[in-house]
Amino acid sequence: MKDDAPSATANIVAQNIILISNTPALSHLVAPEAARLSSWFVQAFSANGDKFIDRSREGWYQAVHKLYERLTISGLALHQALRKLHIEKLVREGLLDWLRSDIIWVADWTRCHSGCTRSFLWPISLNWIIR
């Protein structure tokens, strides 16, 4: 890994995301924004990024890549796409849970702040810190 460039692994993952997004039977596993960002990444940081993106849309290239993958690490591209999809889902759920808890906390704090004693507000503040 170099200080001024992304790792080779990051480049391979981005290329595999592009391949999966351009494979008709599997494209539903990659969000459009993930495909766009991966394409941008490959264009920016791969020597032949534009050529790779163009070829990844071709059936013959997908077949060659599938054969290569079977000879090396079978299922790697699909694994990476599914892993990215799962991580994105977990992050989105976590952010929604966090936002919901903040909204509840703010509503409780506002209600208590107007007339509650400090001793009643303390557990709510402690609960906020623990989260």
C-alpha atoms as a PDB file:
ATOM      1  CA  MET A   1       0.000   0.000   0.000  1.00  0.00           C
ATOM      2  CA  LYS A   2       1.241   3.442  -0.922  1.00  0.00           C
ATOM      3  CA  ASP A   3       0.478   6.688   0.868  1.00  0.00           C
ATOM      4  CA  ASP A   4      -0.698   8.406  -2.306  1.00  0.00           C
ATOM      5  CA  ALA A   5      -2.743   5.571  -3.853  1.00  0.00           C
ATOM      6  CA  PRO A   6      -5.393   3.075  -2.781  1.00  0.00           C
ATOM      7  CA  SER A   7      -4.492  -0.538  -2.176  1.00  0.00           C
ATOM      8  CA  ALA A   8      -4.552  -3.151  -4.918  1.00  0.00           C
ATOM      9  CA  THR A   9      -7.235  -4.975  -2.943  1.00  0.00           C
ATOM     10  CA  ALA A  10      -9.506  -1.926  -3.041  1.00  0.00           C
ATOM     11  CA  ASN A  11      -9.029  -1.778  -6.793  1.00  0.00           C
ATOM     12  CA  ILE A  12      -9.900  -5.478  -7.212  1.00  0.00           C
ATOM     13  CA  VAL A  13     -13.009  -5.104  -5.069  1.00  0.00           C
ATOM     14  CA  ALA A  14     -14.142  -2.093  -7.117  1.00  0.00           C
ATOM     15  CA  GLN A  15     -13.548  -3.991 -10.363  1.00  0.00           C
ATOM     16  CA  ASN A  16     -15.527  -6.967  -9.070  1.00  0.00           C
ATOM     17  CA  ILE A  17     -18.399  -4.685  -8.050  1.00  0.00           C
ATOM     18  CA  ILE A  18     -18.427  -3.309 -11.606  1.00  0.00           C
ATOM     19  CA  LEU A  19     -18.394  -6.818 -13.095  1.00  0.00           C
ATOM     20  CA  ILE A  20     -21.328  -7.923 -10.933  1.00  0.00           C
ATOM     21  CA  SER A  21     -23.265  -4.732 -11.695  1.00  0.00           C
ATOM     22  CA  ASN A  22     -22.810  -5.383 -15.436  1.00  0.00           C
ATOM     23  CA  THR A  23     -23.860  -9.044 -15.219  1.00  0.00           C
ATOM     24  CA  PRO A  24     -27.593  -9.153 -16.019  1.00  0.00           C
ATOM     25  CA  ALA A  25     -28.427 -12.047 -13.680  1.00  0.00           C
ATOM     26  CA  LEU A  26     -26.579 -10.461 -10.723  1.00  0.00           C
ATOM     27  CA  SER A  27     -26.884  -6.708 -11.279  1.00  0.00           C
ATOM     28  CA  HIS A  28     -29.717  -6.404  -8.732  1.00  0.00           C
ATOM     29  CA  LEU A  29     -27.159  -7.110  -6.002  1.00  0.00           C
ATOM     30  CA  VAL A  30     -25.314  -3.842  -6.627  1.00  0.00           C
ATOM     31  CA  ALA A  31     -26.925  -0.488  -5.923  1.00  0.00           C
ATOM     32  CA  PRO A  32     -26.625   1.973  -8.821  1.00  0.00           C
ATOM     33  CA  GLU A  33     -24.675   4.461  -6.692  1.00  0.00           C
ATOM     34  CA  ALA A  34     -22.224   1.714  -5.657  1.00  0.00           C
ATOM     35  CA  ALA A  35     -21.657   0.866  -9.321  1.00  0.00           C
ATOM     36  CA  ARG A  36     -21.115   4.538 -10.192  1.00  0.00           C
ATOM     37  CA  LEU A  37     -18.677   5.077  -7.322  1.00  0.00           C
ATOM     38  CA  SER A  38     -16.788   1.896  -8.178  1.00  0.00           C
ATOM     39  CA  SER A  39     -16.553   3.008 -11.812  1.00  0.00           C
ATOM     40  CA  TRP A  40     -15.229   6.386 -10.749  1.00  0.00           C
ATOM     41  CA  PHE A  41     -12.690   4.704  -8.467  1.00  0.00           C
ATOM     42  CA  VAL A  42     -11.464   2.347 -11.199  1.00  0.00           C
ATOM     43  CA  GLN A  43     -11.223   5.184 -13.735  1.00  0.00           C
ATOM     44  CA  ALA A  44      -9.286   7.334 -11.302  1.00  0.00           C
ATOM     45  CA  PHE A  45      -6.870   4.765  -9.918  1.00  0.00           C
ATOM     46  CA  SER A  46      -6.416   1.987 -12.506  1.00  0.00           C
ATOM     47  CA  ALA A  47      -4.020   2.258 -15.407  1.00  0.00           C
ATOM     48  CA  ASN A  48      -6.589   0.952 -17.905  1.00  0.00           C
ATOM     49  CA  GLY A  49      -9.715   1.714 -15.943  1.00  0.00           C
ATOM     50  CA  ASP A  50     -11.755   3.006 -18.887  1.00  0.00           C
ATOM     51  CA  LYS A  51     -10.964  -0.093 -20.954  1.00  0.00           C
ATOM     52  CA  PHE A  52     -11.880  -2.362 -18.047  1.00  0.00           C
ATOM     53  CA  ILE A  53     -15.253  -0.644 -17.572  1.00  0.00           C
ATOM     54  CA  ASP A  54     -16.057  -0.909 -21.280  1.00  0.00           C
ATOM     55  CA  ARG A  55     -15.023  -4.571 -21.457  1.00  0.00           C
ATOM     56  CA  SER A  56     -16.909  -5.487 -18.286  1.00  0.00           C
ATOM     57  CA  ARG A  57     -20.159  -4.819 -20.170  1.00  0.00           C
ATOM     58  CA  GLU A  58     -19.277  -7.413 -22.811  1.00  0.00           C
ATOM     59  CA  GLY A  59     -20.482 -10.995 -22.432  1.00  0.00           C
ATOM     60  CA  TRP A  60     -17.213 -12.455 -23.710  1.00  0.00           C
ATOM     61  CA  TYR A  61     -15.220 -10.554 -21.079  1.00  0.00           C
ATOM     62  CA  GLN A  62     -17.554 -11.667 -18.305  1.00  0.00           C
ATOM     63  CA  ALA A  63     -17.120 -15.289 -19.482  1.00  0.00           C
ATOM     64  CA  VAL A  64     -13.325 -14.975 -19.501  1.00  0.00           C
ATOM     65  CA  HIS A  65     -13.374 -13.401 -16.045  1.00  0.00           C
ATOM     66  CA  LYS A  66     -15.677 -16.147 -14.734  1.00  0.00           C
ATOM     67  CA  LEU A  67     -13.264 -18.808 -16.057  1.00  0.00           C
ATOM     68  CA  TYR A  68     -10.293 -16.988 -14.509  1.00  0.00           C
ATOM     69  CA  GLU A  69     -12.138 -16.710 -11.214  1.00  0.00           C
ATOM     70  CA  ARG A  70     -12.981 -20.432 -11.199  1.00  0.00           C
ATOM     71  CA  LEU A  71      -9.318 -21.238 -11.715  1.00  0.00           C
ATOM     72  CA  THR A  72      -8.207 -18.958  -8.870  1.00  0.00           C
ATOM     73  CA  ILE A  73     -10.715 -18.008  -6.145  1.00  0.00           C
ATOM     74  CA  SER A  74     -14.125 -19.243  -7.160  1.00  0.00           C
ATOM     75  CA  GLY A  75     -17.001 -16.907  -6.277  1.00  0.00           C
ATOM     76  CA  LEU A  76     -14.840 -13.995  -5.143  1.00  0.00           C
ATOM     77  CA  ALA A  77     -16.666 -11.283  -7.119  1.00  0.00           C
ATOM     78  CA  LEU A  78     -20.084 -12.471  -5.962  1.00  0.00           C
ATOM     79  CA  HIS A  79     -18.831 -12.737  -2.371  1.00  0.00           C
ATOM     80  CA  GLN A  80     -17.537  -9.169  -2.458  1.00  0.00           C
ATOM     81  CA  ALA A  81     -20.790  -7.822  -3.921  1.00  0.00           C
ATOM     82  CA  LEU A  82     -22.903  -9.645  -1.321  1.00  0.00           C
ATOM     83  CA  ARG A  83     -20.606  -8.532   1.483  1.00  0.00           C
ATOM     84  CA  LYS A  84     -20.839  -4.899   0.340  1.00  0.00           C
ATOM     85  CA  LEU A  85     -24.632  -5.181   0.099  1.00  0.00           C
ATOM     86  CA  HIS A  86     -24.868  -6.657   3.608  1.00  0.00           C
ATOM     87  CA  ILE A  87     -22.540  -4.061   5.143  1.00  0.00           C
ATOM     88  CA  GLU A  88     -24.524  -1.256   3.497  1.00  0.00           C
ATOM     89  CA  LYS A  89     -27.746  -2.692   4.906  1.00  0.00           C
ATOM     90  CA  LEU A  90     -26.271  -2.920   8.429  1.00  0.00           C
ATOM     91  CA  VAL A  91     -24.932   0.639   8.286  1.00  0.00           C
ATOM     92  CA  ARG A  92     -28.267   2.019   7.092  1.00  0.00           C
ATOM     93  CA  GLU A  93     -30.147   0.134   9.851  1.00  0.00           C
ATOM     94  CA  GLY A  94     -27.658   1.346  12.448  1.00  0.00           C
ATOM     95  CA  LEU A  95     -27.993   4.945  11.345  1.00  0.00           C
ATOM     96  CA  LEU A  96     -31.786   4.723  11.420  1.00  0.00           C
ATOM     97  CA  ASP A  97     -31.712   3.209  14.927  1.00  0.00           C
ATOM     98  CA  TRP A  98     -29.348   5.943  16.078  1.00  0.00           C
ATOM     99  CA  LEU A  99     -31.558   8.667  14.620  1.00  0.00           C
ATOM    100  CA  ARG A 100     -34.662   7.159  16.224  1.00  0.00           C
ATOM    101  CA  SER A 101     -32.974   6.998  19.630  1.00  0.00           C
ATOM    102  CA  ASP A 102     -31.819  10.626  19.312  1.00  0.00           C
ATOM    103  CA  ILE A 103     -35.307  11.802  18.434  1.00  0.00           C
ATOM    104  CA  ILE A 104     -36.764   9.958  21.430  1.00  0.00           C
ATOM    105  CA  TRP A 105     -34.045  11.323  23.724  1.00  0.00           C
ATOM    106  CA  VAL A 106     -34.569  14.895  22.556  1.00  0.00           C
ATOM    107  CA  ALA A 107     -38.331  14.590  23.032  1.00  0.00           C
ATOM    108  CA  ASP A 108     -37.869  13.155  26.557  1.00  0.00           C
ATOM    109  CA  TRP A 109     -35.268  15.753  27.478  1.00  0.00           C
ATOM    110  CA  THR A 110     -37.431  18.621  26.199  1.00  0.00           C
ATOM    111  CA  ARG A 111     -40.448  17.374  28.137  1.00  0.00           C
ATOM    112  CA  CYS A 112     -38.458  16.882  31.346  1.00  0.00           C
ATOM    113  CA  HIS A 113     -36.434  20.055  31.007  1.00  0.00           C
ATOM    114  CA  SER A 114     -39.534  22.213  31.315  1.00  0.00           C
ATOM    115  CA  GLY A 115     -40.570  20.960  34.768  1.00  0.00           C
ATOM    116  CA  CYS A 116     -38.554  18.037  36.062  1.00  0.00           C
ATOM    117  CA  THR A 117     -35.970  18.115  38.791  1.00  0.00           C
ATOM    118  CA  ARG A 118     -32.336  17.497  38.068  1.00  0.00           C
ATOM    119  CA  SER A 119     -32.503  14.045  39.679  1.00  0.00           C
ATOM    120  CA  PHE A 120     -35.112  12.958  37.159  1.00  0.00           C
ATOM    121  CA  LEU A 121     -33.074  14.265  34.242  1.00  0.00           C
ATOM    122  CA  TRP A 122     -29.878  12.488  35.348  1.00  0.00           C
ATOM    123  CA  PRO A 123     -30.825   8.919  34.263  1.00  0.00           C
ATOM    124  CA  ILE A 124     -31.904  10.195  30.860  1.00  0.00           C
ATOM    125  CA  SER A 125     -28.584  11.995  30.404  1.00  0.00           C
ATOM    126  CA  LEU A 126     -26.676   8.919  31.586  1.00  0.00           C
ATOM    127  CA  ASN A 127     -28.632   6.770  29.158  1.00  0.00           C
ATOM    128  CA  TRP A 128     -27.663   9.179  26.360  1.00  0.00           C
ATOM    129  CA  ILE A 129     -23.959   8.898  27.268  1.00  0.00           C
ATOM    130  CA  ILE A 130     -24.080   5.076  27.354  1.00  0.00           C
ATOM    131  CA  ARG A 131     -25.641   4.883  23.890  1.00  0.00           C
END
